[in-house]
Protein backbone atom coordinates (compact mmCIF):
# COMPACT_ATOMS: atom_id res chain seq x y z
CA MET A 1 123.15 169.50 69.50
CA ASP A 2 125.89 167.21 70.83
CA PHE A 3 125.17 163.63 69.77
CA GLU A 4 126.90 160.99 71.91
CA TYR A 5 126.96 158.16 69.40
CA GLU A 6 128.59 155.71 71.80
CA LEU A 7 125.23 155.47 73.59
CA VAL A 8 123.67 153.72 70.62
CA VAL A 9 126.60 151.55 69.51
CA PRO A 10 124.63 148.30 70.12
CA GLU A 11 121.92 149.50 67.73
CA PHE A 12 124.50 150.47 65.07
CA VAL A 13 126.21 147.09 65.48
CA MET A 14 122.89 145.24 65.06
CA ALA A 15 122.09 147.19 61.88
CA GLY A 16 125.58 146.54 60.51
CA LEU A 17 125.49 142.86 61.46
CA ALA A 18 122.11 142.32 59.79
CA THR A 19 123.33 144.03 56.61
CA LEU A 20 126.58 142.04 56.69
CA ILE A 21 124.77 138.69 57.00
CA VAL A 22 122.60 139.47 53.98
CA ALA A 23 125.59 140.78 51.97
CA VAL A 24 127.72 137.71 52.70
CA ALA A 25 124.89 135.42 51.62
CA LEU A 26 124.52 137.33 48.34
CA CYS A 27 128.26 137.61 47.61
CA PHE A 28 129.13 134.01 48.49
CA PRO A 29 126.18 131.89 47.31
CA ARG A 30 128.17 128.65 47.66
CA LEU A 31 128.97 129.27 51.32
CA ARG A 32 127.54 126.63 53.65
CA GLN A 33 124.38 128.33 54.83
CA GLU A 34 124.50 126.94 58.38
CA LEU A 35 127.68 128.99 58.87
CA LEU A 36 125.55 132.13 58.57
CA GLY A 37 123.46 130.93 61.49
CA TYR A 38 126.45 130.12 63.66
CA GLY A 39 128.05 133.46 62.79
CA ALA A 40 124.88 135.41 63.58
CA ALA A 41 124.37 133.55 66.88
CA ALA A 42 127.99 134.09 67.96
CA ALA A 43 127.88 137.81 67.09
CA VAL A 44 124.59 138.31 68.97
CA LEU A 45 125.95 136.51 72.04
CA LEU A 46 129.12 138.63 71.98
CA LEU A 47 127.09 141.82 71.65
CA LEU A 48 124.90 140.71 74.58
CA VAL A 49 127.96 140.26 76.81
CA LEU A 50 129.51 143.58 75.78
CA THR A 51 126.22 145.42 76.32
CA ALA A 52 125.94 143.96 79.80
CA VAL A 53 129.52 144.94 80.64
CA PHE A 54 129.69 148.47 79.22
CA TYR A 55 126.18 149.90 79.57
CA ILE A 56 125.06 148.92 83.07
CA ASN A 57 124.23 152.02 85.18
CA VAL A 58 124.49 154.41 82.22
CA ASN A 59 121.82 157.10 82.50
CA ASP A 60 121.78 159.39 79.47
CA ASP A 61 119.89 159.92 76.25
CA PHE A 62 120.73 160.21 72.57
CA ALA A 63 119.43 163.41 70.99
CA ASN A 64 116.53 163.40 73.47
CA ILE A 65 114.83 160.66 71.44
CA ILE A 66 116.42 157.45 72.77
CA ALA A 67 116.92 156.90 76.49
CA VAL A 68 119.95 154.84 77.47
CA ASP A 69 119.33 153.82 81.06
CA ASN A 70 119.05 150.61 83.04
CA TYR A 71 115.55 149.99 81.69
CA THR A 72 116.80 150.19 78.09
CA VAL A 73 119.87 148.06 78.86
CA LEU A 74 117.74 145.40 80.58
CA PHE A 75 115.60 145.04 77.47
CA ARG A 76 118.60 145.21 75.13
CA ILE A 77 120.05 142.17 76.91
CA PHE A 78 116.65 140.50 76.98
CA PHE A 79 116.01 140.96 73.25
CA LEU A 80 119.51 139.84 72.30
CA GLY A 81 118.95 136.70 74.36
CA ILE A 82 115.67 136.04 72.53
CA ALA A 83 117.40 136.54 69.16
CA PHE A 84 120.24 134.18 70.17
CA PHE A 85 117.89 131.35 71.12
CA THR A 86 115.73 131.93 68.04
CA ILE A 87 118.73 131.67 65.71
CA LEU A 88 119.98 128.59 67.53
CA ALA A 89 116.56 126.93 67.27
CA SER A 90 116.32 127.87 63.58
CA MET A 91 119.46 126.17 62.29
CA GLN A 92 118.18 122.64 61.74
CA PHE A 93 114.73 123.90 60.73
CA ALA A 94 116.23 126.30 58.18
CA ALA A 95 118.59 123.65 56.79
CA ASP A 96 115.69 121.27 56.14
CA ARG A 97 112.88 123.60 55.06
CA LEU A 98 114.05 127.12 54.18
CA LYS A 99 116.01 128.82 51.42
CA ASN A 100 117.89 132.14 51.57
CA HIS A 101 119.26 131.72 55.07
CA GLY A 102 121.09 135.06 54.89
CA GLU A 103 117.86 137.01 54.44
CA TYR A 104 116.17 134.90 57.13
CA TYR A 105 118.82 135.60 59.79
CA GLY A 106 119.19 139.21 58.64
CA LEU A 107 115.47 139.82 59.15
CA ILE A 108 115.64 138.33 62.65
CA LEU A 109 118.44 140.79 63.46
CA PHE A 110 116.56 143.75 61.94
CA ALA A 111 113.51 142.78 64.00
CA THR A 112 115.69 142.65 67.11
CA LEU A 113 117.02 146.11 66.28
CA GLY A 114 113.43 147.37 66.15
CA MET A 115 112.77 145.81 69.58
CA MET A 116 115.82 147.51 71.09
CA LEU A 117 114.77 150.89 69.72
CA MET A 118 111.21 150.43 71.00
CA ALA A 119 112.46 149.89 74.55
CA GLY A 120 114.65 153.00 74.46
CA ALA A 121 112.41 155.37 72.50
CA ARG A 122 111.23 158.43 74.40
CA GLU A 123 109.78 160.28 71.44
CA LEU A 124 106.59 159.33 69.63
CA ILE A 125 107.84 159.28 66.03
CA THR A 126 110.96 157.31 67.01
CA ALA A 127 108.73 154.77 68.78
CA TYR A 128 106.51 154.49 65.69
CA ILE A 129 109.44 153.97 63.30
CA ALA A 130 110.95 151.33 65.62
CA LEU A 131 107.59 149.57 65.81
CA GLU A 132 107.30 149.53 62.03
CA LEU A 133 110.83 148.17 61.63
CA LEU A 134 109.86 145.26 63.86
CA SER A 135 106.49 144.79 62.16
CA PHE A 136 107.76 144.76 58.56
CA SER A 137 110.48 142.27 59.45
CA LEU A 138 107.88 139.98 61.05
CA TYR A 139 105.49 140.29 58.09
CA ILE A 140 108.17 138.81 55.83
CA LEU A 141 109.37 136.20 58.31
CA VAL A 142 105.84 134.86 58.86
CA GLY A 143 105.59 134.08 55.14
CA PHE A 144 109.13 132.75 54.76
CA ASN A 145 108.33 129.02 54.69
CA LYS A 146 106.87 128.37 51.23
CA LEU A 147 106.48 124.66 52.00
CA ASN A 148 103.72 125.52 54.47
CA PRO A 149 100.37 125.91 52.66
CA PHE A 150 99.19 128.41 55.30
CA SER A 151 102.27 130.63 54.95
CA ASN A 152 101.14 133.13 52.29
CA GLU A 153 97.68 133.52 53.79
CA ALA A 154 99.10 134.08 57.27
CA SER A 155 101.61 136.67 56.07
CA LEU A 156 99.02 138.57 54.01
CA LYS A 157 96.47 138.62 56.82
CA TYR A 158 99.11 139.75 59.32
CA MET A 159 100.35 142.50 56.98
CA LEU A 160 96.91 143.89 56.11
CA LEU A 161 95.68 143.98 59.69
CA GLY A 162 99.08 145.26 60.81
CA ALA A 163 98.89 148.18 58.38
CA PHE A 164 95.43 149.04 59.69
CA SER A 165 96.61 148.93 63.32
CA SER A 166 99.68 151.04 62.48
CA ALA A 167 97.39 153.67 60.98
CA LEU A 168 95.31 153.69 64.19
CA PHE A 169 98.44 153.98 66.32
CA LEU A 170 99.89 156.79 64.22
CA TYR A 171 96.60 158.70 64.18
CA GLY A 172 96.46 158.35 67.97
CA LEU A 173 99.97 159.77 68.24
CA SER A 174 98.97 162.68 66.00
CA MET A 175 96.00 163.43 68.26
CA ILE A 176 98.25 163.42 71.31
CA TYR A 177 100.72 165.70 69.54
CA GLY A 178 97.86 167.99 68.60
CA VAL A 179 96.79 168.50 72.21
CA THR A 180 100.27 168.65 73.76
CA GLY A 181 102.33 170.39 71.10
CA THR A 182 105.25 167.98 71.48
CA THR A 183 106.27 164.46 70.43
CA THR A 184 108.73 163.96 73.27
CA TYR A 185 107.62 161.78 76.18
CA GLY A 186 106.65 163.92 79.13
CA PRO A 187 103.85 164.04 81.67
CA ILE A 188 100.55 164.85 79.93
CA ASP A 189 98.40 167.26 81.90
CA PRO A 190 94.76 166.25 81.38
CA ASP A 191 93.55 169.62 82.69
CA GLY A 192 95.17 171.42 79.80
CA VAL A 193 97.38 174.09 81.40
CA GLU A 194 100.69 172.63 80.24
CA ALA A 195 99.21 171.85 76.85
CA ALA A 196 98.15 175.47 76.52
CA ARG A 197 101.71 176.61 77.12
CA ASN A 198 103.08 174.13 74.56
CA ILE A 199 100.56 175.12 71.92
CA ALA A 200 101.12 178.80 72.61
CA THR A 201 104.83 178.28 72.07
CA GLN A 202 104.20 176.43 68.81
CA LEU A 203 101.91 179.21 67.57
CA GLY A 204 104.45 181.82 68.56
CA ASN A 205 107.14 180.04 66.57
CA PHE A 206 104.97 180.44 63.46
CA GLY A 207 104.16 184.08 64.15
CA ALA A 208 100.55 183.47 65.14
CA ALA A 209 98.70 185.17 67.93
CA ILE A 210 99.61 183.56 71.25
CA PRO A 211 96.66 182.64 73.49
CA ASP A 212 96.88 183.21 77.21
CA PRO A 213 98.73 180.07 78.52
CA ALA A 214 97.26 180.58 81.97
CA LEU A 215 93.80 179.58 80.74
CA PRO A 216 93.09 175.85 80.37
CA ALA A 217 90.37 176.83 77.90
CA ALA A 218 93.13 177.77 75.46
CA ALA A 219 93.76 174.05 74.99
CA ASP A 220 90.88 171.87 76.08
CA VAL A 221 92.83 168.66 75.75
CA ARG A 222 90.48 166.13 77.34
CA PRO A 223 88.38 165.06 74.27
CA GLY A 224 91.39 164.91 71.97
CA LEU A 225 93.46 163.18 74.62
CA ILE A 226 90.85 160.49 75.19
CA ILE A 227 90.51 159.82 71.46
CA GLY A 228 94.29 159.68 71.09
CA LEU A 229 94.66 157.27 74.02
CA VAL A 230 91.93 154.98 72.68
CA LEU A 231 93.65 154.83 69.29
CA VAL A 232 97.08 154.19 70.87
CA VAL A 233 95.64 151.36 72.99
CA ALA A 234 93.99 149.89 69.88
CA GLY A 235 97.21 150.08 67.86
CA LEU A 236 99.35 148.54 70.59
CA GLY A 237 96.55 146.08 71.35
CA PHE A 238 96.98 144.63 67.88
CA LYS A 239 100.74 144.31 68.30
CA VAL A 240 100.35 142.37 71.56
CA SER A 241 97.28 140.34 70.38
CA ALA A 242 94.86 141.79 72.92
CA VAL A 243 91.14 141.11 72.46
CA PRO A 244 89.38 142.27 70.25
CA PHE A 245 92.49 142.87 68.10
CA HIS A 246 93.69 139.26 68.22
CA GLN A 247 92.13 137.69 65.13
CA TRP A 248 95.38 137.52 63.16
CA THR A 249 97.29 135.63 65.84
CA PRO A 250 96.30 131.94 65.40
CA ASP A 251 96.64 132.11 61.61
CA ALA A 252 100.01 133.88 61.76
CA TYR A 253 101.31 131.40 64.34
CA GLN A 254 100.18 128.42 62.26
CA GLY A 255 101.54 129.74 58.98
CA ALA A 256 104.90 131.00 60.22
CA PRO A 257 108.04 128.83 60.42
CA LEU A 258 108.01 127.30 63.89
CA PRO A 259 111.08 129.25 65.16
CA ILE A 260 109.44 132.48 63.96
CA THR A 261 106.25 131.52 65.78
CA ALA A 262 108.39 131.39 68.93
CA PHE A 263 110.11 134.68 68.05
CA LEU A 264 106.77 136.37 67.34
CA SER A 265 105.24 135.07 70.55
CA ALA A 266 108.19 136.01 72.77
CA GLY A 267 110.07 138.89 71.17
CA GLY A 268 107.18 140.70 69.52
CA LYS A 269 105.11 140.82 72.69
CA ALA A 270 108.07 141.69 74.90
CA ALA A 271 108.99 144.63 72.66
CA ALA A 272 105.44 145.91 72.53
CA PHE A 273 105.14 145.80 76.32
CA ALA A 274 108.53 147.48 76.73
CA LEU A 275 107.15 150.36 74.63
CA PHE A 276 103.75 150.16 76.34
CA LEU A 277 105.27 150.47 79.81
CA ARG A 278 107.67 153.33 79.10
CA LEU A 279 105.04 155.30 77.17
CA PHE A 280 102.34 154.91 79.81
CA ALA A 281 104.68 155.39 82.79
CA GLU A 282 106.60 158.41 81.48
CA ALA A 283 103.95 160.19 79.41
CA PHE A 284 100.44 159.01 80.21
CA MET A 285 100.62 158.46 83.98
CA PRO A 286 99.06 161.84 84.95
CA ALA A 287 96.16 161.00 82.63
CA SER A 288 95.75 157.45 84.00
CA ALA A 289 92.15 158.12 85.04
CA GLU A 290 91.38 158.54 81.33
CA TRP A 291 92.71 155.15 80.21
CA VAL A 292 92.76 152.78 83.17
CA TRP A 293 89.24 151.39 82.77
CA LEU A 294 89.68 150.95 79.03
CA VAL A 295 92.83 148.86 79.58
CA ALA A 296 91.15 146.97 82.46
CA ILE A 297 88.24 145.94 80.22
CA VAL A 298 90.63 144.89 77.44
CA ALA A 299 92.69 142.88 79.98
CA ALA A 300 89.62 141.08 81.32
CA GLY A 301 88.31 140.27 77.84
CA THR A 302 91.73 139.07 76.71
CA MET A 303 92.08 136.65 79.63
CA ILE A 304 88.58 135.25 79.09
CA VAL A 305 88.64 134.89 75.31
CA GLY A 306 92.22 133.58 75.13
CA ASN A 307 91.59 130.78 77.60
CA LEU A 308 88.14 129.79 76.32
CA MET A 309 89.30 129.62 72.69
CA ALA A 310 92.36 127.57 73.66
CA LEU A 311 90.06 124.84 75.02
CA GLN A 312 88.90 124.01 71.48
CA GLN A 313 92.29 123.69 69.74
CA THR A 314 93.80 120.52 68.30
CA ASN A 315 96.92 122.07 66.78
CA MET A 316 99.81 122.90 69.10
CA LYS A 317 100.67 126.15 67.32
CA ARG A 318 97.11 127.42 67.57
CA LEU A 319 96.82 126.34 71.20
CA LEU A 320 99.95 128.31 72.06
CA ALA A 321 98.59 131.25 70.05
CA TYR A 322 95.50 131.46 72.24
CA SER A 323 97.62 130.75 75.31
CA SER A 324 99.79 133.76 74.41
CA ILE A 325 96.64 135.88 74.03
CA ALA A 326 95.62 134.89 77.56
CA GLN A 327 99.13 135.77 78.81
CA VAL A 328 98.74 139.22 77.26
CA GLY A 329 95.66 139.66 79.43
CA TYR A 330 97.75 138.95 82.54
CA LEU A 331 100.42 141.41 81.40
CA LEU A 332 97.81 144.11 80.79
CA VAL A 333 96.82 143.70 84.43
CA GLY A 334 100.26 145.14 85.19
CA ILE A 335 99.55 148.18 83.00
CA VAL A 336 96.26 148.70 84.84
CA ALA A 337 98.06 148.46 88.19
CA LEU A 338 100.20 151.48 87.26
CA HIS A 339 97.15 153.53 88.24
CA ALA A 340 97.96 153.43 91.97
CA ASP A 341 97.65 155.68 95.01
CA THR A 342 101.40 156.18 95.33
CA LEU A 343 104.36 156.32 92.99
CA ALA A 344 105.94 153.44 94.92
CA ASN A 345 102.96 151.19 94.13
CA SER A 346 103.19 152.15 90.46
CA HIS A 347 106.86 151.23 90.52
CA ASP A 348 106.01 147.86 92.12
CA ALA A 349 103.42 147.22 89.41
CA ALA A 350 105.90 147.99 86.63
CA SER A 351 108.49 145.68 88.21
CA ALA A 352 105.90 142.91 88.55
CA LEU A 353 104.90 143.31 84.91
CA VAL A 354 108.50 143.03 83.67
CA LEU A 355 109.16 140.04 85.97
CA HIS A 356 106.15 138.20 84.56
CA LEU A 357 107.21 139.15 81.04
CA VAL A 358 110.68 137.65 81.59
CA GLY A 359 109.23 134.50 83.16
CA TYR A 360 106.70 134.10 80.36
CA VAL A 361 109.28 134.56 77.60
CA ALA A 362 111.73 132.09 79.16
CA THR A 363 108.93 129.53 79.57
CA ASN A 364 107.49 130.09 76.12
CA ILE A 365 110.83 129.76 74.34
CA ALA A 366 111.57 126.57 76.31
CA VAL A 367 108.28 125.01 75.14
CA PHE A 368 108.79 126.13 71.56
CA ALA A 369 112.40 124.92 71.50
CA ALA A 370 111.24 121.45 72.52
CA LEU A 371 108.45 121.53 69.92
CA ILE A 372 110.93 122.65 67.23
CA ALA A 373 113.23 119.74 68.09
CA PHE A 374 110.23 117.39 67.81
CA TYR A 375 109.02 118.98 64.55
CA ASN A 376 112.48 118.78 62.97
CA ARG A 377 112.31 114.97 63.26
CA THR A 378 108.64 114.34 62.59
CA GLY A 379 107.24 117.29 60.60
CA ARG A 380 104.12 117.23 62.80
CA ASP A 381 102.65 119.85 65.13
CA ASP A 382 99.20 118.60 66.18
CA ILE A 383 98.55 117.84 69.84
CA ALA A 384 97.73 114.20 69.01
CA ASP A 385 101.17 113.83 67.38
CA LEU A 386 102.77 114.18 70.83
CA ARG A 387 101.32 110.81 71.89
CA GLY A 388 103.90 108.79 73.78
CA LEU A 389 106.61 111.45 73.56
CA ALA A 390 107.74 110.46 77.07
CA GLU A 391 108.82 107.10 75.66
CA ARG A 392 110.49 108.45 72.53
CA GLN A 393 112.25 111.47 74.06
CA PRO A 394 111.83 111.88 77.87
CA PHE A 395 113.85 115.10 77.94
CA LEU A 396 111.58 116.90 75.46
CA ALA A 397 108.53 115.53 77.27
CA LEU A 398 109.83 116.92 80.57
CA THR A 399 110.61 120.34 79.06
CA ILE A 400 107.16 120.70 77.47
CA SER A 401 105.45 119.59 80.70
CA VAL A 402 107.49 121.98 82.84
CA GLY A 403 106.75 124.83 80.43
CA LEU A 404 103.02 124.15 80.33
CA PHE A 405 102.79 123.89 84.12
CA SER A 406 104.65 127.20 84.35
CA LEU A 407 102.29 128.88 81.85
CA ALA A 408 99.38 127.63 83.96
CA GLY A 409 100.92 129.18 87.07
CA MET A 410 101.66 126.02 89.05
CA PRO A 411 103.94 126.25 92.12
CA LEU A 412 107.69 125.60 91.82
CA PHE A 413 107.77 127.10 88.33
CA ALA A 414 108.35 130.63 87.05
CA GLY A 415 104.71 131.25 86.13
CA PHE A 416 103.48 130.81 89.68
CA VAL A 417 105.72 133.33 91.41
CA THR A 418 105.54 135.91 88.59
CA LYS A 419 101.73 135.75 88.45
CA PHE A 420 101.52 135.91 92.24
CA ILE A 421 103.59 139.11 92.36
CA LEU A 422 101.69 140.60 89.40
CA PHE A 423 98.24 139.91 90.84
CA GLN A 424 99.37 141.16 94.25
CA ALA A 425 100.42 144.46 92.63
CA ALA A 426 96.99 144.71 90.99
CA ALA A 427 95.22 144.06 94.32
CA ASP A 428 97.40 146.67 96.06
CA SER A 429 96.38 149.19 93.38
CA GLY A 430 92.66 148.59 94.03
CA PHE A 431 91.95 146.09 91.24
CA LEU A 432 91.26 143.01 93.33
CA TRP A 433 88.47 141.94 90.96
CA LEU A 434 90.91 141.89 88.04
CA ALA A 435 93.43 139.87 90.05
CA ALA A 436 90.67 137.38 90.99
CA MET A 437 89.71 137.09 87.33
CA GLY A 438 93.34 136.37 86.47
CA VAL A 439 93.53 133.58 89.07
CA THR A 440 90.29 132.05 87.75
CA ALA A 441 91.53 132.23 84.16
CA SER A 442 94.75 130.48 85.20
CA PHE A 443 92.74 127.58 86.63
CA VAL A 444 90.87 127.30 83.33
CA SER A 445 94.15 127.21 81.40
CA LEU A 446 95.35 124.27 83.49
CA TYR A 447 92.73 122.06 81.78
CA TYR A 448 93.99 122.46 78.22
CA TYR A 449 97.63 122.25 79.30
CA LEU A 450 96.86 118.97 81.09
CA MET A 451 95.24 117.64 77.92
CA VAL A 452 98.60 118.05 76.16
CA ILE A 453 100.52 116.45 79.03
CA LYS A 454 98.01 113.59 78.99
CA GLN A 455 98.92 112.86 75.37
CA ILE A 456 102.62 112.92 76.22
CA TYR A 457 102.57 110.59 79.23
CA LEU A 458 99.40 108.46 79.24
CA TYR A 459 99.33 107.20 75.67
CA LYS A 460 101.59 104.98 73.61
CA PRO A 461 103.18 106.39 70.44
CA ALA A 462 100.86 106.16 67.44
CA ASP A 463 103.67 104.39 65.58
CA THR A 464 104.59 101.48 67.84
CA ALA A 465 107.80 100.98 65.89
CA ALA A 466 108.87 104.60 66.36
CA SER A 467 112.45 104.96 67.49
CA ARG A 468 113.88 107.36 70.02
CA LEU A 469 114.09 110.96 68.75
CA HIS A 470 117.60 112.36 68.48
CA VAL A 471 118.14 116.02 69.45
CA PRO A 472 121.42 117.74 68.40
CA ALA A 473 123.75 118.75 71.23
CA PRO A 474 123.46 122.57 70.76
CA MET A 475 119.67 122.32 70.82
CA THR A 476 119.77 120.07 73.88
CA ALA A 477 121.99 122.56 75.69
CA ALA A 478 119.72 125.48 74.83
CA ILE A 479 116.61 123.62 76.00
CA ALA A 480 118.37 122.62 79.23
CA VAL A 481 119.35 126.23 79.96
CA LEU A 482 115.81 127.48 79.36
CA THR A 483 114.26 124.73 81.49
CA ALA A 484 116.70 125.51 84.30
CA ALA A 485 115.74 129.19 84.04
CA VAL A 486 112.05 128.29 84.48
CA PHE A 487 112.89 126.41 87.67
CA PHE A 488 115.32 129.06 88.93
CA ILE A 489 112.88 131.95 88.53
CA GLY A 490 110.18 129.90 90.23
CA LEU A 491 112.31 128.86 93.21
CA TYR A 492 114.52 131.92 93.71
CA PRO A 493 113.18 135.03 91.92
CA THR A 494 114.76 137.56 94.30
CA PRO A 495 117.95 138.42 92.31
CA LEU A 496 116.04 138.86 89.08
CA PHE A 497 113.28 140.89 90.73
CA LYS A 498 115.80 143.22 92.41
CA ALA A 499 117.57 143.79 89.08
CA ILE A 500 114.23 144.55 87.45
CA GLU A 501 113.24 146.92 90.27
CA HIS A 502 116.54 148.75 89.81
CA SER A 503 115.88 149.07 86.08
CA THR A 504 112.23 150.15 86.24
CA ALA A 505 113.11 152.78 88.87
CA MET A 506 114.26 154.90 85.90
CA LEU A 507 110.61 155.30 84.92
CA PHE A 508 109.56 156.58 88.36
CA PRO A 509 112.07 159.17 89.66
CA GLY A 510 111.59 159.64 93.38
CA ALA A 511 109.60 156.44 93.91
């Protein structure tokens, strides 16, 4: 087999860069640790630019296990951007509260490598290994801040439940392999004819008697397929914090270092949905009648539970944890909408899902970046601690307010237009009731977001002698860029949506 290694140069570079950061930290212990952060951020930004320049419009695959197409390149750029902002937001936090910066930044890069591989994987075992690379990196990062009393508990809970979900996911993949005879993504035939041919070929390779491939009875795939799909949805449901697999999320968010909470909320979910979408669009689409109602029920439950539980929170991390659970429900609506009458409608649903994912991640990182800047100066993360923030730091107050309005889906901001397009795709696919539930859930979310904004603008600071909060220039610039992106996507989403449509077209040839 002819391996074209240049197709996966970004992944090799990420692996080498992560190893180099850790090695430099170990070999030069007296090196100023903030230099590791600046070096990692600069290298990630350079790799992002080079990936955008050299890999646009490439359509090939590496060893038939990793697709390198516009969909993969879009998510490569996206994940590198998330890693860049996470590292930038981590520098002051790490300098004040963390040790072993080399391992910290190296794990962020290894996690990003796992994300990139998840988006490109077109083979089940490759997807599983990429998912585990991301998961193991996050298990360690969640427990990295030993000054936080919740850190060890959060990391242990996340790891134990993560191991259980990985077992479910892997067992589901084994069931799907058992009924199809292959681990490579390809259309699954729920009636069993193609599966019969695959299994006959496998038996023939081992010298066994070959059943008649013309008879669907030779491979009655439906029961095994349904079990496999349920297990895959359960495994991925844990990774994205879908209900009822969400119990780890608030504890992990509260115990993790604040920049890792942002990384987990944005990058982890984006990677899981990148895998979710490619797997379901390329492999499971012909069997969509078998899984669509399962995913629809999970989506509805996730929207309801996420928003209702967020109403009761007093800690900002936990509120954003339940907010992210609710956002997962909206994103699952896009997966449900793949089950459409025409391939063109399925393509529209996939594009709407990715657009909402990009808008959500940009908004979420903007809010977290502002909270990190606040936490670096105060060491507090309760909602009540934001009292009078508009007086102490108007810029951070504006960023948090803009981000929360966007998460609620208010007009002029990214969340409104991305939700509108997503719910429209669901309605066009025959799931008007699910779209209506999403709109209702968004109205509910507005209440708890307004409670935070009320603390920021309508109350005086708890410490009347509190001085103005200073935010370093690099952090200010990053927050400004993210806030501008939230406005830009909300006011003029067309260029981004067209780029996303061009990228997701790779999943629907002929759409």
